[in-house]
Amino acid sequence: AHWNHVVTDDALAHVPGRLTDEVYAVYTNLEHAGRSRSGW
């Protein structure tokens, strides 16, 4: 659903300071950072 929102709204078209044309999907701020991928 998030991908659909970003693509449909062309949300990355005018990002300031853009360095490249690659797109990243980042998984961060893990609830159990350093221990596991489980949680929020």
Full PDB file with SEQRES, HELIX, SHEET, SSBOND, CRYST1, ORIGX, SCALE, CONECT and MASTER records, all heavy atoms in Angstrom:
SEQRES   1 A   40  ALA HIS TRP ASN HIS VAL VAL THR ASP ASP ALA LEU ALA          
SEQRES   2 A   40  HIS VAL PRO GLY ARG LEU THR ASP GLU VAL TYR ALA VAL          
SEQRES   3 A   40  TYR THR ASN LEU GLU HIS ALA GLY ARG SER ARG SER GLY          
SEQRES   4 A   40  TRP                                                          
HELIX    1 AA1 HIS A    2  THR A    8  1                                   7    
CRYST1    1.000    1.000    1.000  90.00  90.00  90.00 P 1           1          
ORIGX1      1.000000  0.000000  0.000000        0.00000                         
ORIGX2      0.000000  1.000000  0.000000        0.00000                         
ORIGX3      0.000000  0.000000  1.000000        0.00000                         
SCALE1      1.000000  0.000000  0.000000        0.00000                         
SCALE2      0.000000  1.000000  0.000000        0.00000                         
SCALE3      0.000000  0.000000  1.000000        0.00000                         
ATOM      1  N   ALA A   1       0.840  -1.207   0.000  1.00  0.00           N  
ATOM      2  CA  ALA A   1       0.000   0.000   0.000  1.00  0.00           C  
ATOM      3  C   ALA A   1       0.871   1.253   0.000  1.00  0.00           C  
ATOM      4  O   ALA A   1       0.560   2.245  -0.675  1.00  0.00           O  
ATOM      5  CB  ALA A   1      -0.935   0.001   1.209  1.00  0.00           C  
ATOM      6  N   HIS A   2       1.973   1.203   0.741  1.00  0.00           N  
ATOM      7  CA  HIS A   2       2.889   2.352   0.792  1.00  0.00           C  
ATOM      8  C   HIS A   2       3.544   2.573  -0.570  1.00  0.00           C  
ATOM      9  O   HIS A   2       3.637   3.704  -1.050  1.00  0.00           O  
ATOM     10  CB  HIS A   2       3.924   2.117   1.886  1.00  0.00           C  
ATOM     11  CG  HIS A   2       4.753   3.313   2.196  1.00  0.00           C  
ATOM     12  ND1 HIS A   2       4.215   4.534   2.526  1.00  0.00           N  
ATOM     13  CD2 HIS A   2       6.098   3.488   2.213  1.00  0.00           C  
ATOM     14  CE1 HIS A   2       5.188   5.400   2.738  1.00  0.00           C  
ATOM     15  NE2 HIS A   2       6.348   4.797   2.542  1.00  0.00           N  
ATOM     16  N   TRP A   3       3.996   1.493  -1.213  1.00  0.00           N  
ATOM     17  CA  TRP A   3       4.561   1.609  -2.571  1.00  0.00           C  
ATOM     18  C   TRP A   3       3.529   2.228  -3.511  1.00  0.00           C  
ATOM     19  O   TRP A   3       3.849   3.120  -4.297  1.00  0.00           O  
ATOM     20  CB  TRP A   3       4.990   0.241  -3.103  1.00  0.00           C  
ATOM     21  CG  TRP A   3       6.390  -0.141  -2.750  1.00  0.00           C  
ATOM     22  CD1 TRP A   3       6.772  -1.107  -1.876  1.00  0.00           C  
ATOM     23  CD2 TRP A   3       7.603   0.425  -3.270  1.00  0.00           C  
ATOM     24  NE1 TRP A   3       8.151  -1.177  -1.817  1.00  0.00           N  
ATOM     25  CE2 TRP A   3       8.679  -0.253  -2.667  1.00  0.00           C  
ATOM     26  CE3 TRP A   3       7.881   1.436  -4.190  1.00  0.00           C  
ATOM     27  CZ2 TRP A   3      10.009   0.043  -2.947  1.00  0.00           C  
ATOM     28  CZ3 TRP A   3       9.205   1.731  -4.486  1.00  0.00           C  
ATOM     29  CH2 TRP A   3      10.250   1.045  -3.863  1.00  0.00           C  
ATOM     30  N   ASN A   4       2.311   1.750  -3.432  1.00  0.00           N  
ATOM     31  CA  ASN A   4       1.247   2.265  -4.288  1.00  0.00           C  
ATOM     32  C   ASN A   4       1.061   3.765  -4.089  1.00  0.00           C  
ATOM     33  O   ASN A   4       0.947   4.525  -5.053  1.00  0.00           O  
ATOM     34  CB  ASN A   4      -0.061   1.515  -4.033  1.00  0.00           C  
ATOM     35  CG  ASN A   4      -1.141   1.918  -5.003  1.00  0.00           C  
ATOM     36  OD1 ASN A   4      -0.956   1.863  -6.216  1.00  0.00           O  
ATOM     37  ND2 ASN A   4      -2.277   2.335  -4.471  1.00  0.00           N  
ATOM     38  N   HIS A   5       1.044   4.195  -2.842  1.00  0.00           N  
ATOM     39  CA  HIS A   5       0.897   5.622  -2.518  1.00  0.00           C  
ATOM     40  C   HIS A   5       2.060   6.439  -3.101  1.00  0.00           C  
ATOM     41  O   HIS A   5       1.836   7.467  -3.751  1.00  0.00           O  
ATOM     42  CB  HIS A   5       0.824   5.803  -0.999  1.00  0.00           C  
ATOM     43  CG  HIS A   5       1.101   7.184  -0.533  1.00  0.00           C  
ATOM     44  ND1 HIS A   5       0.234   8.237  -0.737  1.00  0.00           N  
ATOM     45  CD2 HIS A   5       2.163   7.702   0.122  1.00  0.00           C  
ATOM     46  CE1 HIS A   5       0.759   9.337  -0.223  1.00  0.00           C  
ATOM     47  NE2 HIS A   5       1.926   9.037   0.302  1.00  0.00           N  
ATOM     48  N   VAL A   6       3.281   5.980  -2.874  1.00  0.00           N  
ATOM     49  CA  VAL A   6       4.459   6.728  -3.336  1.00  0.00           C  
ATOM     50  C   VAL A   6       4.497   6.806  -4.862  1.00  0.00           C  
ATOM     51  O   VAL A   6       4.746   7.863  -5.440  1.00  0.00           O  
ATOM     52  CB  VAL A   6       5.752   6.103  -2.774  1.00  0.00           C  
ATOM     53  CG1 VAL A   6       6.995   6.707  -3.430  1.00  0.00           C  
ATOM     54  CG2 VAL A   6       5.814   6.289  -1.259  1.00  0.00           C  
ATOM     55  N   VAL A   7       4.218   5.688  -5.531  1.00  0.00           N  
ATOM     56  CA  VAL A   7       4.260   5.652  -6.994  1.00  0.00           C  
ATOM     57  C   VAL A   7       3.097   6.435  -7.598  1.00  0.00           C  
ATOM     58  O   VAL A   7       3.290   7.262  -8.501  1.00  0.00           O  
ATOM     59  CB  VAL A   7       4.282   4.195  -7.504  1.00  0.00           C  
ATOM     60  CG1 VAL A   7       4.094   4.126  -9.007  1.00  0.00           C  
ATOM     61  CG2 VAL A   7       5.581   3.515  -7.086  1.00  0.00           C  
ATOM     62  N   THR A   8       1.890   6.211  -7.101  1.00  0.00           N  
ATOM     63  CA  THR A   8       0.703   6.883  -7.642  1.00  0.00           C  
ATOM     64  C   THR A   8       0.798   8.400  -7.509  1.00  0.00           C  
ATOM     65  O   THR A   8       0.448   9.133  -8.429  1.00  0.00           O  
ATOM     66  CB  THR A   8      -0.577   6.372  -6.942  1.00  0.00           C  
ATOM     67  OG1 THR A   8      -0.670   4.963  -7.152  1.00  0.00           O  
ATOM     68  CG2 THR A   8      -1.819   7.048  -7.482  1.00  0.00           C  
ATOM     69  N   ASP A   9       1.300   8.856  -6.364  1.00  0.00           N  
ATOM     70  CA  ASP A   9       1.415  10.298  -6.124  1.00  0.00           C  
ATOM     71  C   ASP A   9       2.700  10.891  -6.696  1.00  0.00           C  
ATOM     72  O   ASP A   9       2.937  12.090  -6.549  1.00  0.00           O  
ATOM     73  CB  ASP A   9       1.342  10.595  -4.624  1.00  0.00           C  
ATOM     74  CG  ASP A   9      -0.021  10.301  -4.041  1.00  0.00           C  
ATOM     75  OD1 ASP A   9      -0.982  10.065  -4.812  1.00  0.00           O  
ATOM     76  OD2 ASP A   9      -0.133  10.305  -2.798  1.00  0.00           O  
ATOM     77  N   ASP A  10       3.562  10.046  -7.309  1.00  0.00           N  
ATOM     78  CA  ASP A  10       4.857  10.490  -7.834  1.00  0.00           C  
ATOM     79  C   ASP A  10       5.603  11.294  -6.773  1.00  0.00           C  
ATOM     80  O   ASP A  10       6.179  12.347  -7.033  1.00  0.00           O  
ATOM     81  CB  ASP A  10       4.667  11.298  -9.124  1.00  0.00           C  
ATOM     82  CG  ASP A  10       5.914  11.325  -9.981  1.00  0.00           C  
ATOM     83  OD1 ASP A  10       6.824  10.505  -9.740  1.00  0.00           O  
ATOM     84  OD2 ASP A  10       5.983  12.181 -10.890  1.00  0.00           O  
ATOM     85  N   ALA A  11       5.566  10.773  -5.543  1.00  0.00           N  
ATOM     86  CA  ALA A  11       6.063  11.481  -4.361  1.00  0.00           C  
ATOM     87  C   ALA A  11       7.557  11.774  -4.372  1.00  0.00           C  
ATOM     88  O   ALA A  11       8.013  12.648  -3.639  1.00  0.00           O  
ATOM     89  CB  ALA A  11       5.700  10.689  -3.107  1.00  0.00           C  
ATOM     90  N   LEU A  12       8.327  11.086  -5.190  1.00  0.00           N  
ATOM     91  CA  LEU A  12       9.778  11.300  -5.199  1.00  0.00           C  
ATOM     92  C   LEU A  12      10.240  12.178  -6.352  1.00  0.00           C  
ATOM     93  O   LEU A  12      11.431  12.411  -6.518  1.00  0.00           O  
ATOM     94  CB  LEU A  12      10.497   9.946  -5.251  1.00  0.00           C  
ATOM     95  CG  LEU A  12      10.149   8.959  -4.135  1.00  0.00           C  
ATOM     96  CD1 LEU A  12      10.907   7.649  -4.327  1.00  0.00           C  
ATOM     97  CD2 LEU A  12      10.416   9.558  -2.775  1.00  0.00           C  
ATOM     98  N   ALA A  13       9.306  12.687  -7.129  1.00  0.00           N  
ATOM     99  CA  ALA A  13       9.654  13.454  -8.330  1.00  0.00           C  
ATOM    100  C   ALA A  13      10.442  14.726  -8.038  1.00  0.00           C  
ATOM    101  O   ALA A  13      11.304  15.118  -8.826  1.00  0.00           O  
ATOM    102  CB  ALA A  13       8.393  13.787  -9.118  1.00  0.00           C  
ATOM    103  N   HIS A  14      10.160  15.370  -6.929  1.00  0.00           N  
ATOM    104  CA  HIS A  14      10.779  16.680  -6.664  1.00  0.00           C  
ATOM    105  C   HIS A  14      11.506  16.715  -5.321  1.00  0.00           C  
ATOM    106  O   HIS A  14      11.438  17.711  -4.610  1.00  0.00           O  
ATOM    107  CB  HIS A  14       9.721  17.776  -6.728  1.00  0.00           C  
ATOM    108  CG  HIS A  14       8.989  17.795  -8.033  1.00  0.00           C  
ATOM    109  ND1 HIS A  14       9.588  18.187  -9.211  1.00  0.00           N  
ATOM    110  CD2 HIS A  14       7.734  17.432  -8.360  1.00  0.00           C  
ATOM    111  CE1 HIS A  14       8.719  18.079 -10.200  1.00  0.00           C  
ATOM    112  NE2 HIS A  14       7.583  17.610  -9.706  1.00  0.00           N  
ATOM    113  N   VAL A  15      12.212  15.628  -5.000  1.00  0.00           N  
ATOM    114  CA  VAL A  15      12.949  15.579  -3.745  1.00  0.00           C  
ATOM    115  C   VAL A  15      14.144  16.528  -3.833  1.00  0.00           C  
ATOM    116  O   VAL A  15      14.950  16.424  -4.755  1.00  0.00           O  
ATOM    117  CB  VAL A  15      13.421  14.137  -3.440  1.00  0.00           C  
ATOM    118  CG1 VAL A  15      14.336  14.111  -2.223  1.00  0.00           C  
ATOM    119  CG2 VAL A  15      12.234  13.220  -3.234  1.00  0.00           C  
ATOM    120  N   PRO A  16      14.265  17.456  -2.869  1.00  0.00           N  
ATOM    121  CA  PRO A  16      15.409  18.377  -2.898  1.00  0.00           C  
ATOM    122  C   PRO A  16      16.702  17.648  -2.518  1.00  0.00           C  
ATOM    123  O   PRO A  16      16.682  16.700  -1.744  1.00  0.00           O  
ATOM    124  CB  PRO A  16      15.043  19.407  -1.825  1.00  0.00           C  
ATOM    125  CG  PRO A  16      14.118  18.697  -0.898  1.00  0.00           C  
ATOM    126  CD  PRO A  16      13.371  17.707  -1.745  1.00  0.00           C  
ATOM    127  N   GLY A  17      17.812  18.080  -3.098  1.00  0.00           N  
ATOM    128  CA  GLY A  17      19.112  17.520  -2.745  1.00  0.00           C  
ATOM    129  C   GLY A  17      19.384  16.129  -3.277  1.00  0.00           C  
ATOM    130  O   GLY A  17      20.332  15.472  -2.858  1.00  0.00           O  
ATOM    131  N   ARG A  18      18.580  15.681  -4.206  1.00  0.00           N  
ATOM    132  CA  ARG A  18      18.709  14.330  -4.764  1.00  0.00           C  
ATOM    133  C   ARG A  18      20.089  14.159  -5.400  1.00  0.00           C  
ATOM    134  O   ARG A  18      20.532  14.985  -6.187  1.00  0.00           O  
ATOM    135  CB  ARG A  18      17.607  14.132  -5.802  1.00  0.00           C  
ATOM    136  CG  ARG A  18      17.531  12.749  -6.367  1.00  0.00           C  
ATOM    137  CD  ARG A  18      16.374  12.653  -7.364  1.00  0.00           C  
ATOM    138  NE  ARG A  18      16.079  11.268  -7.598  1.00  0.00           N  
ATOM    139  CZ  ARG A  18      14.868  10.773  -7.736  1.00  0.00           C  
ATOM    140  NH1 ARG A  18      13.830  11.559  -7.677  1.00  0.00           N  
ATOM    141  NH2 ARG A  18      14.696   9.499  -7.949  1.00  0.00           N  
ATOM    142  N   LEU A  19      20.754  13.027  -5.080  1.00  0.00           N  
ATOM    143  CA  LEU A  19      22.097  12.777  -5.596  1.00  0.00           C  
ATOM    144  C   LEU A  19      22.125  11.824  -6.784  1.00  0.00           C  
ATOM    145  O   LEU A  19      23.022  11.914  -7.630  1.00  0.00           O  
ATOM    146  CB  LEU A  19      22.995  12.208  -4.486  1.00  0.00           C  
ATOM    147  CG  LEU A  19      23.217  13.127  -3.281  1.00  0.00           C  
ATOM    148  CD1 LEU A  19      24.020  12.400  -2.213  1.00  0.00           C  
ATOM    149  CD2 LEU A  19      23.921  14.408  -3.708  1.00  0.00           C  
ATOM    150  N   THR A  20      21.178  10.881  -6.836  1.00  0.00           N  
ATOM    151  CA  THR A  20      21.147   9.888  -7.905  1.00  0.00           C  
ATOM    152  C   THR A  20      19.693   9.576  -8.251  1.00  0.00           C  
ATOM    153  O   THR A  20      18.776  10.042  -7.585  1.00  0.00           O  
ATOM    154  CB  THR A  20      21.832   8.561  -7.493  1.00  0.00           C  
ATOM    155  OG1 THR A  20      21.052   7.941  -6.471  1.00  0.00           O  
ATOM    156  CG2 THR A  20      23.247   8.784  -6.998  1.00  0.00           C  
ATOM    157  N   ASP A  21      19.501   8.758  -9.259  1.00  0.00           N  
ATOM    158  CA  ASP A  21      18.149   8.355  -9.643  1.00  0.00           C  
ATOM    159  C   ASP A  21      17.726   7.017  -9.048  1.00  0.00           C  
ATOM    160  O   ASP A  21      16.597   6.592  -9.249  1.00  0.00           O  
ATOM    161  CB  ASP A  21      18.030   8.302 -11.169  1.00  0.00           C  
ATOM    162  CG  ASP A  21      18.037   9.694 -11.780  1.00  0.00           C  
ATOM    163  OD1 ASP A  21      17.552  10.631 -11.120  1.00  0.00           O  
ATOM    164  OD2 ASP A  21      18.534   9.844 -12.915  1.00  0.00           O  
ATOM    165  N   GLU A  22      18.629   6.340  -8.319  1.00  0.00           N  
ATOM    166  CA  GLU A  22      18.246   5.088  -7.669  1.00  0.00           C  
ATOM    167  C   GLU A  22      17.187   5.365  -6.604  1.00  0.00           C  
ATOM    168  O   GLU A  22      17.162   6.428  -5.998  1.00  0.00           O  
ATOM    169  CB  GLU A  22      19.445   4.413  -6.980  1.00  0.00           C  
ATOM    170  CG  GLU A  22      20.352   3.677  -7.909  1.00  0.00           C  
ATOM    171  CD  GLU A  22      21.516   4.523  -8.388  1.00  0.00           C  
ATOM    172  OE1 GLU A  22      21.701   5.640  -7.873  1.00  0.00           O  
ATOM    173  OE2 GLU A  22      22.225   4.069  -9.294  1.00  0.00           O  
ATOM    174  N   VAL A  23      16.329   4.391  -6.389  1.00  0.00           N  
ATOM    175  CA  VAL A  23      15.323   4.470  -5.329  1.00  0.00           C  
ATOM    176  C   VAL A  23      15.702   3.443  -4.274  1.00  0.00           C  
ATOM    177  O   VAL A  23      16.126   2.331  -4.590  1.00  0.00           O  
ATOM    178  CB  VAL A  23      13.907   4.201  -5.885  1.00  0.00           C  
ATOM    179  CG1 VAL A  23      12.881   4.085  -4.763  1.00  0.00           C  
ATOM    180  CG2 VAL A  23      13.515   5.305  -6.863  1.00  0.00           C  
ATOM    181  N   TYR A  24      15.538   3.842  -3.010  1.00  0.00           N  
ATOM    182  CA  TYR A  24      15.847   2.964  -1.886  1.00  0.00           C  
ATOM    183  C   TYR A  24      14.591   2.744  -1.055  1.00  0.00           C  
ATOM    184  O   TYR A  24      13.797   3.659  -0.872  1.00  0.00           O  
ATOM    185  CB  TYR A  24      16.918   3.587  -0.983  1.00  0.00           C  
ATOM    186  CG  TYR A  24      18.257   3.685  -1.651  1.00  0.00           C  
ATOM    187  CD1 TYR A  24      18.601   4.806  -2.409  1.00  0.00           C  
ATOM    188  CD2 TYR A  24      19.188   2.660  -1.540  1.00  0.00           C  
ATOM    189  CE1 TYR A  24      19.833   4.895  -3.035  1.00  0.00           C  
ATOM    190  CE2 TYR A  24      20.420   2.741  -2.157  1.00  0.00           C  
ATOM    191  CZ  TYR A  24      20.730   3.866  -2.907  1.00  0.00           C  
ATOM    192  OH  TYR A  24      21.951   3.940  -3.524  1.00  0.00           O  
ATOM    193  N   ALA A  25      14.438   1.533  -0.560  1.00  0.00           N  
ATOM    194  CA  ALA A  25      13.409   1.210   0.422  1.00  0.00           C  
ATOM    195  C   ALA A  25      14.175   0.792   1.672  1.00  0.00           C  
ATOM    196  O   ALA A  25      14.804  -0.267   1.699  1.00  0.00           O  
ATOM    197  CB  ALA A  25      12.510   0.092  -0.074  1.00  0.00           C  
ATOM    198  N   VAL A  26      14.164   1.661   2.677  1.00  0.00           N  
ATOM    199  CA  VAL A  26      14.993   1.485   3.861  1.00  0.00           C  
ATOM    200  C   VAL A  26      14.160   0.961   5.025  1.00  0.00           C  
ATOM    201  O   VAL A  26      13.084   1.488   5.315  1.00  0.00           O  
ATOM    202  CB  VAL A  26      15.668   2.821   4.250  1.00  0.00           C  
ATOM    203  CG1 VAL A  26      16.538   2.653   5.488  1.00  0.00           C  
ATOM    204  CG2 VAL A  26      16.486   3.376   3.086  1.00  0.00           C  
ATOM    205  N   TYR A  27      14.685  -0.050   5.678  1.00  0.00           N  
ATOM    206  CA  TYR A  27      14.083  -0.633   6.874  1.00  0.00           C  
ATOM    207  C   TYR A  27      14.955  -0.193   8.045  1.00  0.00           C  
ATOM    208  O   TYR A  27      16.118  -0.589   8.141  1.00  0.00           O  
ATOM    209  CB  TYR A  27      14.078  -2.160   6.792  1.00  0.00           C  
ATOM    210  CG  TYR A  27      13.270  -2.702   5.638  1.00  0.00           C  
ATOM    211  CD1 TYR A  27      13.761  -2.658   4.329  1.00  0.00           C  
ATOM    212  CD2 TYR A  27      12.018  -3.258   5.852  1.00  0.00           C  
ATOM    213  CE1 TYR A  27      13.017  -3.159   3.263  1.00  0.00           C  
ATOM    214  CE2 TYR A  27      11.268  -3.763   4.790  1.00  0.00           C  
ATOM    215  CZ  TYR A  27      11.775  -3.705   3.508  1.00  0.00           C  
ATOM    216  OH  TYR A  27      11.040  -4.195   2.459  1.00  0.00           O  
ATOM    217  N   THR A  28      14.420   0.640   8.927  1.00  0.00           N  
ATOM    218  CA  THR A  28      15.223   1.216   9.995  1.00  0.00           C  
ATOM    219  C   THR A  28      14.379   1.397  11.252  1.00  0.00           C  
ATOM    220  O   THR A  28      13.190   1.106  11.250  1.00  0.00           O  
ATOM    221  CB  THR A  28      15.865   2.538   9.514  1.00  0.00           C  
ATOM    222  OG1 THR A  28      16.824   2.973  10.474  1.00  0.00           O  
ATOM    223  CG2 THR A  28      14.828   3.610   9.253  1.00  0.00           C  
ATOM    224  N   ASN A  29      15.008   1.907  12.294  1.00  0.00           N  
ATOM    225  CA  ASN A  29      14.327   2.120  13.580  1.00  0.00           C  
ATOM    226  C   ASN A  29      13.619   0.850  14.039  1.00  0.00           C  
ATOM    227  O   ASN A  29      12.457   0.875  14.448  1.00  0.00           O  
ATOM    228  CB  ASN A  29      13.341   3.287  13.496  1.00  0.00           C  
ATOM    229  CG  ASN A  29      14.019   4.573  13.099  1.00  0.00           C  
ATOM    230  OD1 ASN A  29      15.140   4.842  13.520  1.00  0.00           O  
ATOM    231  ND2 ASN A  29      13.368   5.350  12.260  1.00  0.00           N  
ATOM    232  N   LEU A  30      14.340  -0.269  13.963  1.00  0.00           N  
ATOM    233  CA  LEU A  30      13.791  -1.560  14.366  1.00  0.00           C  
ATOM    234  C   LEU A  30      13.544  -1.595  15.869  1.00  0.00           C  
ATOM    235  O   LEU A  30      14.373  -1.124  16.653  1.00  0.00           O  
ATOM    236  CB  LEU A  30      14.743  -2.699  13.984  1.00  0.00           C  
ATOM    237  CG  LEU A  30      14.759  -3.097  12.510  1.00  0.00           C  
ATOM    238  CD1 LEU A  30      15.490  -2.107  11.651  1.00  0.00           C  
ATOM    239  CD2 LEU A  30      15.368  -4.469  12.361  1.00  0.00           C  
ATOM    240  N   GLU A  31      12.419  -2.155  16.252  1.00  0.00           N  
ATOM    241  CA  GLU A  31      12.068  -2.271  17.666  1.00  0.00           C  
ATOM    242  C   GLU A  31      13.132  -3.056  18.431  1.00  0.00           C  
ATOM    243  O   GLU A  31      13.457  -2.718  19.570  1.00  0.00           O  
ATOM    244  CB  GLU A  31      10.703  -2.950  17.800  1.00  0.00           C  
ATOM    245  CG  GLU A  31      10.237  -3.109  19.225  1.00  0.00           C  
ATOM    246  CD  GLU A  31       8.866  -3.739  19.341  1.00  0.00           C  
ATOM    247  OE1 GLU A  31       8.231  -4.051  18.305  1.00  0.00           O  
ATOM    248  OE2 GLU A  31       8.412  -3.924  20.479  1.00  0.00           O  
ATOM    249  N   HIS A  32      13.680  -4.092  17.808  1.00  0.00           N  
ATOM    250  CA  HIS A  32      14.691  -4.924  18.459  1.00  0.00           C  
ATOM    251  C   HIS A  32      16.036  -4.775  17.740  1.00  0.00           C  
ATOM    252  O   HIS A  32      16.692  -5.774  17.430  1.00  0.00           O  
ATOM    253  CB  HIS A  32      14.232  -6.381  18.486  1.00  0.00           C  
ATOM    254  CG  HIS A  32      12.934  -6.567  19.202  1.00  0.00           C  
ATOM    255  ND1 HIS A  32      12.793  -6.408  20.564  1.00  0.00           N  
ATOM    256  CD2 HIS A  32      11.691  -6.855  18.742  1.00  0.00           C  
ATOM    257  CE1 HIS A  32      11.534  -6.607  20.913  1.00  0.00           C  
ATOM    258  NE2 HIS A  32      10.840  -6.873  19.813  1.00  0.00           N  
ATOM    259  N   ALA A  33      16.416  -3.536  17.478  1.00  0.00           N  
ATOM    260  CA  ALA A  33      17.653  -3.238  16.749  1.00  0.00           C  
ATOM    261  C   ALA A  33      18.843  -3.946  17.394  1.00  0.00           C  
ATOM    262  O   ALA A  33      18.984  -3.977  18.615  1.00  0.00           O  
ATOM    263  CB  ALA A  33      17.896  -1.740  16.715  1.00  0.00           C  
ATOM    264  N   GLY A  34      19.664  -4.528  16.524  1.00  0.00           N  
ATOM    265  CA  GLY A  34      20.855  -5.223  16.980  1.00  0.00           C  
ATOM    266  C   GLY A  34      20.602  -6.652  17.437  1.00  0.00           C  
ATOM    267  O   GLY A  34      21.553  -7.388  17.688  1.00  0.00           O  
ATOM    268  N   ARG A  35      19.314  -7.041  17.547  1.00  0.00           N  
ATOM    269  CA  ARG A  35      19.006  -8.390  18.047  1.00  0.00           C  
ATOM    270  C   ARG A  35      18.218  -9.231  17.048  1.00  0.00           C  
ATOM    271  O   ARG A  35      18.495 -10.408  16.876  1.00  0.00           O  
ATOM    272  CB  ARG A  35      18.233  -8.287  19.353  1.00  0.00           C  
ATOM    273  CG  ARG A  35      19.019  -7.623  20.471  1.00  0.00           C  
ATOM    274  CD  ARG A  35      18.319  -7.719  21.811  1.00  0.00           C  
ATOM    275  NE  ARG A  35      16.897  -7.458  21.743  1.00  0.00           N  
ATOM    276  CZ  ARG A  35      16.310  -6.328  22.134  1.00  0.00           C  
ATOM    277  NH1 ARG A  35      17.034  -5.345  22.617  1.00  0.00           N  
ATOM    278  NH2 ARG A  35      15.000  -6.181  22.062  1.00  0.00           N  
ATOM    279  N   SER A  36      17.176  -8.631  16.429  1.00  0.00           N  
ATOM    280  CA  SER A  36      16.350  -9.406  15.500  1.00  0.00           C  
ATOM    281  C   SER A  36      15.557  -8.483  14.596  1.00  0.00           C  
ATOM    282  O   SER A  36      15.445  -7.283  14.847  1.00  0.00           O  
ATOM    283  CB  SER A  36      15.390 -10.335  16.262  1.00  0.00           C  
ATOM    284  OG  SER A  36      14.261  -9.624  16.717  1.00  0.00           O  
ATOM    285  N   ARG A  37      14.940  -9.067  13.571  1.00  0.00           N  
ATOM    286  CA  ARG A  37      14.116  -8.304  12.641  1.00  0.00           C  
ATOM    287  C   ARG A  37      12.657  -8.292  13.071  1.00  0.00           C  
ATOM    288  O   ARG A  37      11.806  -7.732  12.389  1.00  0.00           O  
ATOM    289  CB  ARG A  37      14.255  -8.854  11.215  1.00  0.00           C  
ATOM    290  CG  ARG A  37      13.777 -10.277  11.047  1.00  0.00           C  
ATOM    291  CD  ARG A  37      14.015 -10.755   9.605  1.00  0.00           C  
ATOM    292  NE  ARG A  37      13.701 -12.139   9.435  1.00  0.00           N  
ATOM    293  CZ  ARG A  37      12.504 -12.596   9.052  1.00  0.00           C  
ATOM    294  NH1 ARG A  37      11.525 -11.762   8.803  1.00  0.00           N  
ATOM    295  NH2 ARG A  37      12.307 -13.884   8.912  1.00  0.00           N  
ATOM    296  N   SER A  38      12.335  -8.912  14.192  1.00  0.00           N  
ATOM    297  CA  SER A  38      10.950  -8.958  14.661  1.00  0.00           C  
ATOM    298  C   SER A  38      10.535  -7.609  15.255  1.00  0.00           C  
ATOM    299  O   SER A  38      11.370  -6.784  15.600  1.00  0.00           O  
ATOM    300  CB  SER A  38      10.769 -10.069  15.701  1.00  0.00           C  
ATOM    301  OG  SER A  38      11.514  -9.765  16.861  1.00  0.00           O  
ATOM    302  N   GLY A  39       9.240  -7.396  15.357  1.00  0.00           N  
ATOM    303  CA  GLY A  39       8.721  -6.180  15.966  1.00  0.00           C  
ATOM    304  C   GLY A  39       8.474  -5.074  14.947  1.00  0.00           C  
ATOM    305  O   GLY A  39       8.437  -5.295  13.738  1.00  0.00           O  
ATOM    306  N   TRP A  40       8.291  -3.878  15.460  1.00  0.00           N  
ATOM    307  CA  TRP A  40       7.980  -2.696  14.655  1.00  0.00           C  
ATOM    308  C   TRP A  40       9.229  -2.146  13.983  1.00  0.00           C  
ATOM    309  O   TRP A  40      10.335  -2.266  14.511  1.00  0.00           O  
ATOM    310  CB  TRP A  40       7.355  -1.622  15.534  1.00  0.00           C  
ATOM    311  CG  TRP A  40       5.974  -1.983  15.971  1.00  0.00           C  
ATOM    312  CD1 TRP A  40       5.625  -2.704  17.083  1.00  0.00           C  
ATOM    313  CD2 TRP A  40       4.766  -1.679  15.291  1.00  0.00           C  
ATOM    314  NE1 TRP A  40       4.274  -2.865  17.125  1.00  0.00           N  
ATOM    315  CE2 TRP A  40       3.710  -2.238  16.037  1.00  0.00           C  
ATOM    316  CE3 TRP A  40       4.464  -0.989  14.118  1.00  0.00           C  
ATOM    317  CZ2 TRP A  40       2.387  -2.135  15.663  1.00  0.00           C  
ATOM    318  CZ3 TRP A  40       3.146  -0.874  13.744  1.00  0.00           C  
ATOM    319  CH2 TRP A  40       2.125  -1.445  14.503  1.00  0.00           C  
TER     320      TRP A  40                                                      
MASTER        0    0    0    1    0    0    0    6  319    1    0    4          
END                                                                             
